[in-house]
């Protein structure tokens, strides 16, 4: 598997350039998605890169209560809030940038 250069060299902190905020106040539905605990949005983005996902949800406020990272195979450009996402003010949905894969 080929990892983006930002992932391979994440110690120089270029990984945030590999994702962008797509929907604020939403999270992925669990169907067809994987969830895990992550301490930062960068950690969640790395999990996304490792799984080959197209988008992910992250919440800093819920890490102690369970999953704080949800990865999805759906690309950010095809996500529809009415069918793919659920409103949740504690979460944000990010799109993984194609230039990083």
Protein backbone atom coordinates (compact mmCIF):
# COMPACT_ATOMS: atom_id res chain seq x y z
CA UNK A 1 0.00 0.00 0.00
CA UNK A 2 1.29 3.46 -0.88
CA UNK A 3 1.03 6.06 1.85
CA UNK A 4 0.98 9.79 1.17
CA UNK A 5 4.26 11.56 1.75
CA UNK A 6 2.60 13.54 4.54
CA UNK A 7 1.79 10.27 6.29
CA UNK A 8 5.28 8.86 5.90
CA UNK A 9 6.82 12.09 7.17
CA UNK A 10 4.15 13.04 9.69
CA UNK A 11 6.80 14.02 12.22
CA UNK A 12 7.32 17.24 10.29
CA UNK A 13 3.61 18.02 10.79
CA UNK A 14 2.50 18.26 7.16
CA UNK A 15 -0.36 15.81 7.62
CA UNK A 16 -3.05 18.47 8.21
CA UNK A 17 -2.65 19.42 4.53
CA UNK A 18 -4.16 16.03 3.63
CA UNK A 19 -7.70 16.76 4.83
CA UNK A 20 -10.21 19.58 5.00
CA UNK A 21 -13.41 20.28 6.89
CA UNK A 22 -16.45 19.31 4.82
CA UNK A 23 -19.42 19.50 7.27
CA UNK A 24 -19.40 21.08 10.71
CA UNK A 25 -21.86 19.69 13.28
CA UNK A 26 -22.33 16.33 11.54
CA UNK A 27 -20.96 12.80 11.82
CA UNK A 28 -21.05 9.71 9.63
CA UNK A 29 -23.74 7.13 10.19
CA UNK A 30 -22.16 3.93 11.52
CA UNK A 31 -23.38 1.69 8.68
CA UNK A 32 -20.42 0.92 6.43
CA UNK A 33 -18.00 2.89 8.60
CA UNK A 34 -15.29 1.96 11.07
CA UNK A 35 -14.93 3.73 14.40
CA UNK A 36 -12.08 4.08 16.88
CA UNK A 37 -10.75 6.35 19.60
CA UNK A 38 -8.40 9.11 18.47
CA UNK A 39 -6.86 11.89 20.52
CA UNK A 40 -6.62 14.40 17.66
CA UNK A 41 -7.99 15.09 14.21
CA UNK A 42 -4.50 14.26 12.85
CA UNK A 43 -4.67 10.79 14.45
CA UNK A 44 -8.08 10.26 12.88
CA UNK A 45 -6.73 11.39 9.48
CA UNK A 46 -3.87 8.89 9.82
CA UNK A 47 -6.40 6.12 10.54
CA UNK A 48 -8.25 7.24 7.44
CA UNK A 49 -5.06 7.07 5.36
CA UNK A 50 -4.23 3.60 6.67
CA UNK A 51 -7.67 2.27 5.79
CA UNK A 52 -7.86 3.99 2.41
CA UNK A 53 -10.97 5.94 3.37
CA UNK A 54 -12.40 8.93 1.56
CA UNK A 55 -13.76 10.87 4.53
CA UNK A 56 -13.88 10.77 8.31
CA UNK A 57 -15.69 12.25 11.30
CA UNK A 58 -13.91 13.45 14.41
CA UNK A 59 -15.01 14.69 17.82
CA UNK A 60 -12.61 15.91 20.45
CA UNK A 61 -15.31 16.15 23.10
CA UNK A 62 -16.28 12.47 23.13
CA UNK A 63 -12.91 10.67 23.28
CA UNK A 64 -13.43 9.59 26.91
CA UNK A 65 -16.94 8.38 26.16
CA UNK A 66 -16.12 6.08 23.26
CA UNK A 67 -15.41 6.50 19.58
CA UNK A 68 -14.05 9.84 18.47
CA UNK A 69 -13.07 8.87 14.91
CA UNK A 70 -15.30 7.38 12.23
CA UNK A 71 -13.78 6.54 8.86
CA UNK A 72 -15.82 5.98 5.72
CA UNK A 73 -15.09 4.79 2.20
CA UNK A 74 -17.33 7.57 0.84
CA UNK A 75 -15.45 10.48 -0.70
CA UNK A 76 -16.28 13.88 0.74
CA UNK A 77 -17.63 15.09 -2.61
CA UNK A 78 -20.40 12.46 -2.62
CA UNK A 79 -21.48 12.77 1.03
CA UNK A 80 -25.08 13.87 1.48
CA UNK A 81 -26.11 15.14 4.92
CA UNK A 82 -29.67 13.88 4.49
CA UNK A 83 -28.63 10.25 3.87
CA UNK A 84 -24.98 9.69 4.88
CA UNK A 85 -24.61 11.89 7.95
CA UNK A 86 -26.33 12.66 11.23
CA UNK A 87 -26.46 16.05 12.94
CA UNK A 88 -24.31 16.17 16.06
CA UNK A 89 -22.86 19.46 17.31
CA UNK A 90 -19.85 17.72 18.87
CA UNK A 91 -18.62 16.22 15.59
CA UNK A 92 -17.20 17.43 12.26
CA UNK A 93 -16.83 15.61 8.94
CA UNK A 94 -13.56 15.90 7.02
CA UNK A 95 -12.72 15.04 3.44
CA UNK A 96 -9.44 13.23 2.78
CA UNK A 97 -7.65 15.06 -0.03
CA UNK A 98 -6.91 13.05 -3.18
CA UNK A 99 -3.55 14.73 -3.62
CA UNK A 100 -2.35 12.93 -0.51
CA UNK A 101 -2.97 9.38 -1.72
